Amino acid sequence: MANEPKARRAGAFDVRMVIALLMGVYGAVLTVMGLGVTTEEEIAKSAGVNINLWAGIGMLLFAASFVLWVRLRPLVVPESTEDTEDTESAESTGDAERDTSRGSE
């Protein structure tokens, strides 16, 4: 247990958070555009649907689901993987050398 590397969370560097941020920003812009700027003429062009509003809400829900995913299942990153691999390979090399020396006796 004492030799196990410490683990830490990826936090803001998790790619899921970056995707959530981008989708959230675009979703907020589209929602504001759909609520305040879209005219009746533009709605008529899109078959009577306020597409900016619905696309914005969809993007906000998508971003919220990614944030929830990050909170419920955080990405755990080992603190130091190279040090443990070097130590393990050195130990296994030492064991192999001892085994070959026993065979020659």
PDB file of N, CA and C in Angstrom:
ATOM      1  N   MET A   1       0.810  -1.189   0.000  1.00  0.00           N
ATOM      2  CA  MET A   1       0.000   0.000   0.000  1.00  0.00           C
ATOM      3  C   MET A   1       0.860   1.263   0.000  1.00  0.00           C
ATOM      4  N   ALA A   2       2.024   1.227   0.629  1.00  0.00           N
ATOM      5  CA  ALA A   2       2.856   2.415   0.714  1.00  0.00           C
ATOM      6  C   ALA A   2       3.491   2.751  -0.628  1.00  0.00           C
ATOM      7  N   ASN A   3       3.652   1.775  -1.515  1.00  0.00           N
ATOM      8  CA  ASN A   3       4.296   2.002  -2.808  1.00  0.00           C
ATOM      9  C   ASN A   3       3.331   2.459  -3.893  1.00  0.00           C
ATOM     10  N   GLU A   4       2.023   2.468  -3.624  1.00  0.00           N
ATOM     11  CA  GLU A   4       1.047   2.842  -4.638  1.00  0.00           C
ATOM     12  C   GLU A   4       1.157   4.331  -4.938  1.00  0.00           C
ATOM     13  N   PRO A   5       1.127   4.707  -6.235  1.00  0.00           N
ATOM     14  CA  PRO A   5       1.184   6.127  -6.570  1.00  0.00           C
ATOM     15  C   PRO A   5      -0.113   6.827  -6.171  1.00  0.00           C
ATOM     16  N   LYS A   6       0.014   8.098  -5.787  1.00  0.00           N
ATOM     17  CA  LYS A   6      -1.158   8.876  -5.420  1.00  0.00           C
ATOM     18  C   LYS A   6      -1.940   9.210  -6.675  1.00  0.00           C
ATOM     19  N   ALA A   7      -3.262   9.242  -6.551  1.00  0.00           N
ATOM     20  CA  ALA A   7      -4.119   9.567  -7.680  1.00  0.00           C
ATOM     21  C   ALA A   7      -4.752  10.933  -7.431  1.00  0.00           C
ATOM     22  N   ARG A   8      -4.961  11.665  -8.523  1.00  0.00           N
ATOM     23  CA  ARG A   8      -5.619  12.953  -8.409  1.00  0.00           C
ATOM     24  C   ARG A   8      -6.613  13.091  -9.552  1.00  0.00           C
ATOM     25  N   ARG A   9      -7.559  14.006  -9.397  1.00  0.00           N
ATOM     26  CA  ARG A   9      -8.578  14.231 -10.415  1.00  0.00           C
ATOM     27  C   ARG A   9      -8.045  15.149 -11.509  1.00  0.00           C
ATOM     28  N   ALA A  10      -8.529  14.942 -12.719  1.00  0.00           N
ATOM     29  CA  ALA A  10      -8.079  15.765 -13.843  1.00  0.00           C
ATOM     30  C   ALA A  10      -8.642  17.173 -13.755  1.00  0.00           C
ATOM     31  N   GLY A  11      -9.824  17.347 -13.202  1.00  0.00           N
ATOM     32  CA  GLY A  11     -10.413  18.669 -13.005  1.00  0.00           C
ATOM     33  C   GLY A  11     -10.721  19.387 -14.303  1.00  0.00           C
ATOM     34  N   ALA A  12     -10.265  20.625 -14.407  1.00  0.00           N
ATOM     35  CA  ALA A  12     -10.584  21.469 -15.558  1.00  0.00           C
ATOM     36  C   ALA A  12      -9.901  20.986 -16.832  1.00  0.00           C
ATOM     37  N   PHE A  13      -8.897  20.135 -16.720  1.00  0.00           N
ATOM     38  CA  PHE A  13      -8.176  19.669 -17.901  1.00  0.00           C
ATOM     39  C   PHE A  13      -8.839  18.447 -18.536  1.00  0.00           C
ATOM     40  N   ASP A  14      -9.944  18.009 -17.986  1.00  0.00           N
ATOM     41  CA  ASP A  14     -10.694  16.906 -18.563  1.00  0.00           C
ATOM     42  C   ASP A  14     -11.357  17.405 -19.843  1.00  0.00           C
ATOM     43  N   VAL A  15     -11.215  16.671 -20.938  1.00  0.00           N
ATOM     44  CA  VAL A  15     -11.746  17.109 -22.231  1.00  0.00           C
ATOM     45  C   VAL A  15     -13.276  17.228 -22.179  1.00  0.00           C
ATOM     46  N   ARG A  16     -13.921  16.495 -21.305  1.00  0.00           N
ATOM     47  CA  ARG A  16     -15.376  16.605 -21.193  1.00  0.00           C
ATOM     48  C   ARG A  16     -15.790  17.982 -20.695  1.00  0.00           C
ATOM     49  N   MET A  17     -14.983  18.585 -19.822  1.00  0.00           N
ATOM     50  CA  MET A  17     -15.292  19.939 -19.337  1.00  0.00           C
ATOM     51  C   MET A  17     -15.085  20.974 -20.435  1.00  0.00           C
ATOM     52  N   VAL A  18     -14.088  20.781 -21.266  1.00  0.00           N
ATOM     53  CA  VAL A  18     -13.854  21.703 -22.372  1.00  0.00           C
ATOM     54  C   VAL A  18     -15.028  21.649 -23.344  1.00  0.00           C
ATOM     55  N   ILE A  19     -15.482  20.443 -23.663  1.00  0.00           N
ATOM     56  CA  ILE A  19     -16.627  20.279 -24.563  1.00  0.00           C
ATOM     57  C   ILE A  19     -17.869  20.900 -23.942  1.00  0.00           C
ATOM     58  N   ALA A  20     -18.084  20.676 -22.644  1.00  0.00           N
ATOM     59  CA  ALA A  20     -19.246  21.251 -21.964  1.00  0.00           C
ATOM     60  C   ALA A  20     -19.201  22.777 -21.990  1.00  0.00           C
ATOM     61  N   LEU A  21     -18.024  23.349 -21.795  1.00  0.00           N
ATOM     62  CA  LEU A  21     -17.885  24.804 -21.817  1.00  0.00           C
ATOM     63  C   LEU A  21     -18.226  25.362 -23.199  1.00  0.00           C
ATOM     64  N   LEU A  22     -17.674  24.749 -24.241  1.00  0.00           N
ATOM     65  CA  LEU A  22     -17.946  25.229 -25.594  1.00  0.00           C
ATOM     66  C   LEU A  22     -19.427  25.106 -25.955  1.00  0.00           C
ATOM     67  N   MET A  23     -20.010  23.971 -25.666  1.00  0.00           N
ATOM     68  CA  MET A  23     -21.425  23.768 -25.973  1.00  0.00           C
ATOM     69  C   MET A  23     -22.302  24.696 -25.142  1.00  0.00           C
ATOM     70  N   GLY A  24     -21.905  24.937 -23.893  1.00  0.00           N
ATOM     71  CA  GLY A  24     -22.668  25.844 -23.035  1.00  0.00           C
ATOM     72  C   GLY A  24     -22.639  27.271 -23.536  1.00  0.00           C
ATOM     73  N   VAL A  25     -21.475  27.737 -23.981  1.00  0.00           N
ATOM     74  CA  VAL A  25     -21.369  29.103 -24.506  1.00  0.00           C
ATOM     75  C   VAL A  25     -22.193  29.239 -25.783  1.00  0.00           C
ATOM     76  N   TYR A  26     -22.023  28.288 -26.706  1.00  0.00           N
ATOM     77  CA  TYR A  26     -22.806  28.358 -27.944  1.00  0.00           C
ATOM     78  C   TYR A  26     -24.304  28.228 -27.657  1.00  0.00           C
ATOM     79  N   GLY A  27     -24.661  27.368 -26.730  1.00  0.00           N
ATOM     80  CA  GLY A  27     -26.068  27.209 -26.374  1.00  0.00           C
ATOM     81  C   GLY A  27     -26.660  28.458 -25.766  1.00  0.00           C
ATOM     82  N   ALA A  28     -25.894  29.141 -24.915  1.00  0.00           N
ATOM     83  CA  ALA A  28     -26.381  30.386 -24.308  1.00  0.00           C
ATOM     84  C   ALA A  28     -26.575  31.460 -25.372  1.00  0.00           C
ATOM     85  N   VAL A  29     -25.641  31.561 -26.314  1.00  0.00           N
ATOM     86  CA  VAL A  29     -25.764  32.560 -27.386  1.00  0.00           C
ATOM     87  C   VAL A  29     -27.000  32.268 -28.229  1.00  0.00           C
ATOM     88  N   LEU A  30     -27.191  31.012 -28.615  1.00  0.00           N
ATOM     89  CA  LEU A  30     -28.361  30.683 -29.438  1.00  0.00           C
ATOM     90  C   LEU A  30     -29.668  30.889 -28.689  1.00  0.00           C
ATOM     91  N   THR A  31     -29.689  30.588 -27.405  1.00  0.00           N
ATOM     92  CA  THR A  31     -30.906  30.784 -26.618  1.00  0.00           C
ATOM     93  C   THR A  31     -31.248  32.266 -26.529  1.00  0.00           C
ATOM     94  N   VAL A  32     -30.258  33.098 -26.283  1.00  0.00           N
ATOM     95  CA  VAL A  32     -30.499  34.543 -26.230  1.00  0.00           C
ATOM     96  C   VAL A  32     -30.961  35.049 -27.595  1.00  0.00           C
ATOM     97  N   MET A  33     -30.324  34.567 -28.645  1.00  0.00           N
ATOM     98  CA  MET A  33     -30.738  34.969 -29.995  1.00  0.00           C
ATOM     99  C   MET A  33     -32.173  34.527 -30.285  1.00  0.00           C
ATOM    100  N   GLY A  34     -32.517  33.329 -29.858  1.00  0.00           N
ATOM    101  CA  GLY A  34     -33.868  32.832 -30.096  1.00  0.00           C
ATOM    102  C   GLY A  34     -34.920  33.569 -29.302  1.00  0.00           C
ATOM    103  N   LEU A  35     -34.581  33.988 -28.094  1.00  0.00           N
ATOM    104  CA  LEU A  35     -35.552  34.697 -27.259  1.00  0.00           C
ATOM    105  C   LEU A  35     -35.688  36.171 -27.628  1.00  0.00           C
ATOM    106  N   GLY A  36     -34.578  36.811 -27.981  1.00  0.00           N
ATOM    107  CA  GLY A  36     -34.646  38.255 -28.126  1.00  0.00           C
ATOM    108  C   GLY A  36     -34.507  38.809 -29.515  1.00  0.00           C
ATOM    109  N   VAL A  37     -33.862  38.123 -30.419  1.00  0.00           N
ATOM    110  CA  VAL A  37     -33.501  38.724 -31.698  1.00  0.00           C
ATOM    111  C   VAL A  37     -34.268  38.116 -32.866  1.00  0.00           C
ATOM    112  N   THR A  38     -34.733  36.910 -32.763  1.00  0.00           N
ATOM    113  CA  THR A  38     -35.383  36.222 -33.881  1.00  0.00           C
ATOM    114  C   THR A  38     -36.721  36.883 -34.202  1.00  0.00           C
ATOM    115  N   THR A  39     -36.898  37.188 -35.468  1.00  0.00           N
ATOM    116  CA  THR A  39     -38.141  37.835 -35.914  1.00  0.00           C
ATOM    117  C   THR A  39     -39.139  36.787 -36.407  1.00  0.00           C
ATOM    118  N   GLU A  40     -40.379  37.244 -36.602  1.00  0.00           N
ATOM    119  CA  GLU A  40     -41.429  36.357 -37.118  1.00  0.00           C
ATOM    120  C   GLU A  40     -41.102  35.898 -38.539  1.00  0.00           C
ATOM    121  N   GLU A  41     -40.443  36.734 -39.292  1.00  0.00           N
ATOM    122  CA  GLU A  41     -40.066  36.369 -40.658  1.00  0.00           C
ATOM    123  C   GLU A  41     -39.060  35.214 -40.656  1.00  0.00           C
ATOM    124  N   GLU A  42     -38.098  35.281 -39.745  1.00  0.00           N
ATOM    125  CA  GLU A  42     -37.110  34.199 -39.644  1.00  0.00           C
ATOM    126  C   GLU A  42     -37.763  32.907 -39.162  1.00  0.00           C
ATOM    127  N   ILE A  43     -38.715  33.008 -38.257  1.00  0.00           N
ATOM    128  CA  ILE A  43     -39.431  31.819 -37.784  1.00  0.00           C
ATOM    129  C   ILE A  43     -40.246  31.213 -38.925  1.00  0.00           C
ATOM    130  N   ALA A  44     -40.830  32.043 -39.749  1.00  0.00           N
ATOM    131  CA  ALA A  44     -41.602  31.552 -40.896  1.00  0.00           C
ATOM    132  C   ALA A  44     -40.699  30.823 -41.883  1.00  0.00           C
ATOM    133  N   LYS A  45     -39.462  31.292 -42.052  1.00  0.00           N
ATOM    134  CA  LYS A  45     -38.507  30.625 -42.953  1.00  0.00           C
ATOM    135  C   LYS A  45     -38.143  29.228 -42.460  1.00  0.00           C
ATOM    136  N   SER A  46     -38.207  29.016 -41.155  1.00  0.00           N
ATOM    137  CA  SER A  46     -37.815  27.717 -40.594  1.00  0.00           C
ATOM    138  C   SER A  46     -39.033  26.867 -40.233  1.00  0.00           C
ATOM    139  N   ALA A  47     -40.070  26.940 -41.056  1.00  0.00           N
ATOM    140  CA  ALA A  47     -41.278  26.121 -40.920  1.00  0.00           C
ATOM    141  C   ALA A  47     -42.010  26.380 -39.602  1.00  0.00           C
ATOM    142  N   GLY A  48     -41.948  27.609 -39.120  1.00  0.00           N
ATOM    143  CA  GLY A  48     -42.692  27.975 -37.928  1.00  0.00           C
ATOM    144  C   GLY A  48     -42.039  27.564 -36.615  1.00  0.00           C
ATOM    145  N   VAL A  49     -40.789  27.150 -36.664  1.00  0.00           N
ATOM    146  CA  VAL A  49     -40.075  26.719 -35.459  1.00  0.00           C
ATOM    147  C   VAL A  49     -38.980  27.734 -35.152  1.00  0.00           C
ATOM    148  N   ASN A  50     -38.896  28.144 -33.892  1.00  0.00           N
ATOM    149  CA  ASN A  50     -37.809  29.038 -33.469  1.00  0.00           C
ATOM    150  C   ASN A  50     -36.573  28.168 -33.258  1.00  0.00           C
ATOM    151  N   ILE A  51     -35.868  27.908 -34.358  1.00  0.00           N
ATOM    152  CA  ILE A  51     -34.770  26.943 -34.352  1.00  0.00           C
ATOM    153  C   ILE A  51     -33.611  27.393 -33.475  1.00  0.00           C
ATOM    154  N   ASN A  52     -33.360  28.695 -33.387  1.00  0.00           N
ATOM    155  CA  ASN A  52     -32.292  29.179 -32.521  1.00  0.00           C
ATOM    156  C   ASN A  52     -32.585  28.842 -31.058  1.00  0.00           C
ATOM    157  N   LEU A  53     -33.819  29.051 -30.652  1.00  0.00           N
ATOM    158  CA  LEU A  53     -34.198  28.765 -29.275  1.00  0.00           C
ATOM    159  C   LEU A  53     -34.072  27.275 -28.959  1.00  0.00           C
ATOM    160  N   TRP A  54     -34.616  26.429 -29.828  1.00  0.00           N
ATOM    161  CA  TRP A  54     -34.586  24.991 -29.561  1.00  0.00           C
ATOM    162  C   TRP A  54     -33.175  24.411 -29.652  1.00  0.00           C
ATOM    163  N   ALA A  55     -32.389  24.879 -30.593  1.00  0.00           N
ATOM    164  CA  ALA A  55     -31.003  24.412 -30.690  1.00  0.00           C
ATOM    165  C   ALA A  55     -30.203  24.869 -29.477  1.00  0.00           C
ATOM    166  N   GLY A  56     -30.444  26.097 -29.015  1.00  0.00           N
ATOM    167  CA  GLY A  56     -29.759  26.600 -27.830  1.00  0.00           C
ATOM    168  C   GLY A  56     -30.110  25.813 -26.584  1.00  0.00           C
ATOM    169  N   ILE A  57     -31.379  25.505 -26.413  1.00  0.00           N
ATOM    170  CA  ILE A  57     -31.802  24.711 -25.250  1.00  0.00           C
ATOM    171  C   ILE A  57     -31.190  23.318 -25.321  1.00  0.00           C
ATOM    172  N   GLY A  58     -31.172  22.734 -26.521  1.00  0.00           N
ATOM    173  CA  GLY A  58     -30.563  21.411 -26.683  1.00  0.00           C
ATOM    174  C   GLY A  58     -29.084  21.422 -26.335  1.00  0.00           C
ATOM    175  N   MET A  59     -28.377  22.462 -26.760  1.00  0.00           N
ATOM    176  CA  MET A  59     -26.949  22.563 -26.449  1.00  0.00           C
ATOM    177  C   MET A  59     -26.715  22.768 -24.956  1.00  0.00           C
ATOM    178  N   LEU A  60     -27.567  23.552 -24.312  1.00  0.00           N
ATOM    179  CA  LEU A  60     -27.433  23.745 -22.865  1.00  0.00           C
ATOM    180  C   LEU A  60     -27.672  22.446 -22.106  1.00  0.00           C
ATOM    181  N   LEU A  61     -28.642  21.660 -22.550  1.00  0.00           N
ATOM    182  CA  LEU A  61     -28.890  20.358 -21.916  1.00  0.00           C
ATOM    183  C   LEU A  61     -27.718  19.405 -22.138  1.00  0.00           C
ATOM    184  N   PHE A  62     -27.164  19.430 -23.335  1.00  0.00           N
ATOM    185  CA  PHE A  62     -25.991  18.606 -23.645  1.00  0.00           C
ATOM    186  C   PHE A  62     -24.813  18.987 -22.750  1.00  0.00           C
ATOM    187  N   ALA A  63     -24.571  20.292 -22.602  1.00  0.00           N
ATOM    188  CA  ALA A  63     -23.479  20.770 -21.751  1.00  0.00           C
ATOM    189  C   ALA A  63     -23.725  20.374 -20.291  1.00  0.00           C
ATOM    190  N   ALA A  64     -24.956  20.498 -19.833  1.00  0.00           N
ATOM    191  CA  ALA A  64     -25.276  20.122 -18.453  1.00  0.00           C
ATOM    192  C   ALA A  64     -25.060  18.633 -18.228  1.00  0.00           C
ATOM    193  N   SER A  65     -25.386  17.813 -19.232  1.00  0.00           N
ATOM    194  CA  SER A  65     -25.171  16.371 -19.077  1.00  0.00           C
ATOM    195  C   SER A  65     -23.680  16.041 -19.007  1.00  0.00           C
ATOM    196  N   PHE A  66     -22.847  16.755 -19.750  1.00  0.00           N
ATOM    197  CA  PHE A  66     -21.405  16.525 -19.683  1.00  0.00           C
ATOM    198  C   PHE A  66     -20.844  16.939 -18.322  1.00  0.00           C
ATOM    199  N   VAL A  67     -21.319  18.059 -17.789  1.00  0.00           N
ATOM    200  CA  VAL A  67     -20.864  18.497 -16.465  1.00  0.00           C
ATOM    201  C   VAL A  67     -21.288  17.476 -15.409  1.00  0.00           C
ATOM    202  N   LEU A  68     -22.497  16.986 -15.519  1.00  0.00           N
ATOM    203  CA  LEU A  68     -22.970  15.956 -14.589  1.00  0.00           C
ATOM    204  C   LEU A  68     -22.118  14.697 -14.709  1.00  0.00           C
ATOM    205  N   TRP A  69     -21.769  14.307 -15.912  1.00  0.00           N
ATOM    206  CA  TRP A  69     -20.919  13.139 -16.140  1.00  0.00           C
ATOM    207  C   TRP A  69     -19.550  13.320 -15.484  1.00  0.00           C
ATOM    208  N   VAL A  70     -18.978  14.512 -15.614  1.00  0.00           N
ATOM    209  CA  VAL A  70     -17.674  14.784 -15.004  1.00  0.00           C
ATOM    210  C   VAL A  70     -17.769  14.726 -13.487  1.00  0.00           C
ATOM    211  N   ARG A  71     -18.856  15.234 -12.933  1.00  0.00           N
ATOM    212  CA  ARG A  71     -19.026  15.232 -11.469  1.00  0.00           C
ATOM    213  C   ARG A  71     -19.248  13.824 -10.917  1.00  0.00           C
ATOM    214  N   LEU A  72     -20.033  13.019 -11.632  1.00  0.00           N
ATOM    215  CA  LEU A  72     -20.353  11.678 -11.139  1.00  0.00           C
ATOM    216  C   LEU A  72     -19.219  10.682 -11.370  1.00  0.00           C
ATOM    217  N   ARG A  73     -18.502  10.800 -12.485  1.00  0.00           N
ATOM    218  CA  ARG A  73     -17.418   9.874 -12.815  1.00  0.00           C
ATOM    219  C   ARG A  73     -16.151  10.648 -13.154  1.00  0.00           C
ATOM    220  N   PRO A  74     -15.479  11.209 -12.144  1.00  0.00           N
ATOM    221  CA  PRO A  74     -14.282  12.001 -12.433  1.00  0.00           C
ATOM    222  C   PRO A  74     -13.155  11.138 -12.975  1.00  0.00           C
ATOM    223  N   LEU A  75     -12.352  11.732 -13.814  1.00  0.00           N
ATOM    224  CA  LEU A  75     -11.194  11.069 -14.395  1.00  0.00           C
ATOM    225  C   LEU A  75     -10.070  11.112 -13.376  1.00  0.00           C
ATOM    226  N   VAL A  76      -9.571   9.943 -12.970  1.00  0.00           N
ATOM    227  CA  VAL A  76      -8.506   9.867 -11.979  1.00  0.00           C
ATOM    228  C   VAL A  76      -7.187   9.612 -12.696  1.00  0.00           C
ATOM    229  N   VAL A  77      -6.217  10.472 -12.443  1.00  0.00           N
ATOM    230  CA  VAL A  77      -4.922  10.394 -13.095  1.00  0.00           C
ATOM    231  C   VAL A  77      -3.873  10.026 -12.054  1.00  0.00           C
ATOM    232  N   PRO A  78      -3.095   8.963 -12.273  1.00  0.00           N
ATOM    233  CA  PRO A  78      -2.019   8.661 -11.328  1.00  0.00           C
ATOM    234  C   PRO A  78      -0.999   9.796 -11.327  1.00  0.00           C
ATOM    235  N   GLU A  79      -0.459  10.072 -10.162  1.00  0.00           N
ATOM    236  CA  GLU A  79       0.463  11.202 -10.043  1.00  0.00           C
ATOM    237  C   GLU A  79       1.747  10.975 -10.820  1.00  0.00           C
ATOM    238  N   SER A  80       2.302   9.761 -10.720  1.00  0.00           N
ATOM    239  CA  SER A  80       3.567   9.500 -11.387  1.00  0.00           C
ATOM    240  C   SER A  80       3.560   8.078 -11.922  1.00  0.00           C
ATOM    241  N   THR A  81       3.444   7.935 -13.226  1.00  0.00           N
ATOM    242  CA  THR A  81       3.440   6.596 -13.810  1.00  0.00           C
ATOM    243  C   THR A  81       4.839   6.196 -14.265  1.00  0.00           C
ATOM    244  N   GLU A  82       5.664   7.145 -14.688  1.00  0.00           N
ATOM    245  CA  GLU A  82       6.997   6.820 -15.189  1.00  0.00           C
ATOM    246  C   GLU A  82       7.899   6.287 -14.081  1.00  0.00           C
ATOM    247  N   ASP A  83       7.820   6.866 -12.884  1.00  0.00           N
ATOM    248  CA  ASP A  83       8.659   6.421 -11.776  1.00  0.00           C
ATOM    249  C   ASP A  83       8.343   4.986 -11.383  1.00  0.00           C
ATOM    250  N   THR A  84       7.058   4.638 -11.331  1.00  0.00           N
ATOM    251  CA  THR A  84       6.695   3.282 -10.929  1.00  0.00           C
ATOM    252  C   THR A  84       7.066   2.274 -12.004  1.00  0.00           C
ATOM    253  N   GLU A  85       6.931   2.654 -13.288  1.00  0.00           N
ATOM    254  CA  GLU A  85       7.304   1.734 -14.370  1.00  0.00           C
ATOM    255  C   GLU A  85       8.802   1.487 -14.370  1.00  0.00           C
ATOM    256  N   ASP A  86       9.612   2.533 -14.145  1.00  0.00           N
ATOM    257  CA  ASP A  86      11.062   2.368 -14.101  1.00  0.00           C
ATOM    258  C   ASP A  86      11.470   1.472 -12.945  1.00  0.00           C
ATOM    259  N   THR A  87      10.832   1.650 -11.798  1.00  0.00           N
ATOM    260  CA  THR A  87      11.148   0.847 -10.620  1.00  0.00           C
ATOM    261  C   THR A  87      10.775  -0.613 -10.856  1.00  0.00           C
ATOM    262  N   GLU A  88       9.593  -0.843 -11.431  1.00  0.00           N
ATOM    263  CA  GLU A  88       9.146  -2.212 -11.683  1.00  0.00           C
ATOM    264  C   GLU A  88      10.038  -2.900 -12.695  1.00  0.00           C
ATOM    265  N   SER A  89      10.450  -2.196 -13.765  1.00  0.00           N
ATOM    266  CA  SER A  89      11.287  -2.834 -14.773  1.00  0.00           C
ATOM    267  C   SER A  89      12.676  -3.130 -14.209  1.00  0.00           C
ATOM    268  N   ALA A  90      13.179  -2.260 -13.341  1.00  0.00           N
ATOM    269  CA  ALA A  90      14.477  -2.513 -12.716  1.00  0.00           C
ATOM    270  C   ALA A  90      14.408  -3.721 -11.792  1.00  0.00           C
ATOM    271  N   GLU A  91      13.299  -3.851 -11.061  1.00  0.00           N
ATOM    272  CA  GLU A  91      13.140  -4.994 -10.170  1.00  0.00           C
ATOM    273  C   GLU A  91      13.019  -6.285 -10.954  1.00  0.00           C
ATOM    274  N   SER A  92      12.264  -6.269 -12.050  1.00  0.00           N
ATOM    275  CA  SER A  92      12.102  -7.497 -12.840  1.00  0.00           C
ATOM    276  C   SER A  92      13.419  -7.873 -13.525  1.00  0.00           C
ATOM    277  N   THR A  93      14.229  -6.915 -13.936  1.00  0.00           N
ATOM    278  CA  THR A  93      15.535  -7.197 -14.540  1.00  0.00           C
ATOM    279  C   THR A  93      16.457  -7.824 -13.506  1.00  0.00           C
ATOM    280  N   GLY A  94      16.403  -7.332 -12.291  1.00  0.00           N
ATOM    281  CA  GLY A  94      17.216  -7.900 -11.217  1.00  0.00           C
ATOM    282  C   GLY A  94      16.821  -9.325 -10.909  1.00  0.00           C
ATOM    283  N   ASP A  95      15.525  -9.628 -10.941  1.00  0.00           N
ATOM    284  CA  ASP A  95      15.057 -10.993 -10.700  1.00  0.00           C
ATOM    285  C   ASP A  95      15.540 -11.929 -11.800  1.00  0.00           C
ATOM    286  N   ALA A  96      15.532 -11.468 -13.042  1.00  0.00           N
ATOM    287  CA  ALA A  96      15.968 -12.310 -14.162  1.00  0.00           C
ATOM    288  C   ALA A  96      17.456 -12.611 -14.057  1.00  0.00           C
ATOM    289  N   GLU A  97      18.235 -11.624 -13.626  1.00  0.00           N
ATOM    290  CA  GLU A  97      19.670 -11.854 -13.478  1.00  0.00           C
ATOM    291  C   GLU A  97      19.948 -12.871 -12.376  1.00  0.00           C
ATOM    292  N   ARG A  98      19.191 -12.812 -11.291  1.00  0.00           N
ATOM    293  CA  ARG A  98      19.373 -13.780 -10.209  1.00  0.00           C
ATOM    294  C   ARG A  98      19.003 -15.183 -10.663  1.00  0.00           C
ATOM    295  N   ASP A  99      17.932 -15.305 -11.472  1.00  0.00           N
ATOM    296  CA  ASP A  99      17.499 -16.613 -11.950  1.00  0.00           C
ATOM    297  C   ASP A  99      18.555 -17.247 -12.861  1.00  0.00           C
ATOM    298  N   THR A 100      19.181 -16.459 -13.720  1.00  0.00           N
ATOM    299  CA  THR A 100      20.184 -17.011 -14.626  1.00  0.00           C
ATOM    300  C   THR A 100      21.455 -17.387 -13.869  1.00  0.00           C
ATOM    301  N   SER A 101      21.751 -16.664 -12.820  1.00  0.00           N
ATOM    302  CA  SER A 101      22.971 -16.992 -12.054  1.00  0.00           C
ATOM    303  C   SER A 101      22.765 -18.278 -11.256  1.00  0.00           C
ATOM    304  N   ARG A 102      21.550 -18.572 -10.866  1.00  0.00           N
ATOM    305  CA  ARG A 102      21.279 -19.810 -10.132  1.00  0.00           C
ATOM    306  C   ARG A 102      21.418 -21.030 -11.042  1.00  0.00           C
ATOM    307  N   GLY A 103      21.055 -20.860 -12.303  1.00  0.00           N
ATOM    308  CA  GLY A 103      21.124 -21.970 -13.239  1.00  0.00           C
ATOM    309  C   GLY A 103      22.569 -22.372 -13.550  1.00  0.00           C
ATOM    310  N   SER A 104      23.504 -21.444 -13.456  1.00  0.00           N
ATOM    311  CA  SER A 104      24.900 -21.765 -13.773  1.00  0.00           C
ATOM    312  C   SER A 104      25.644 -22.409 -12.615  1.00  0.00           C
ATOM    313  N   GLU A 105      25.072 -22.426 -11.447  1.00  0.00           N
ATOM    314  CA  GLU A 105      25.772 -23.023 -10.275  1.00  0.00           C
ATOM    315  C   GLU A 105      25.800 -24.487 -10.302  1.00  0.00           C
TER     316      GLU A 105
END
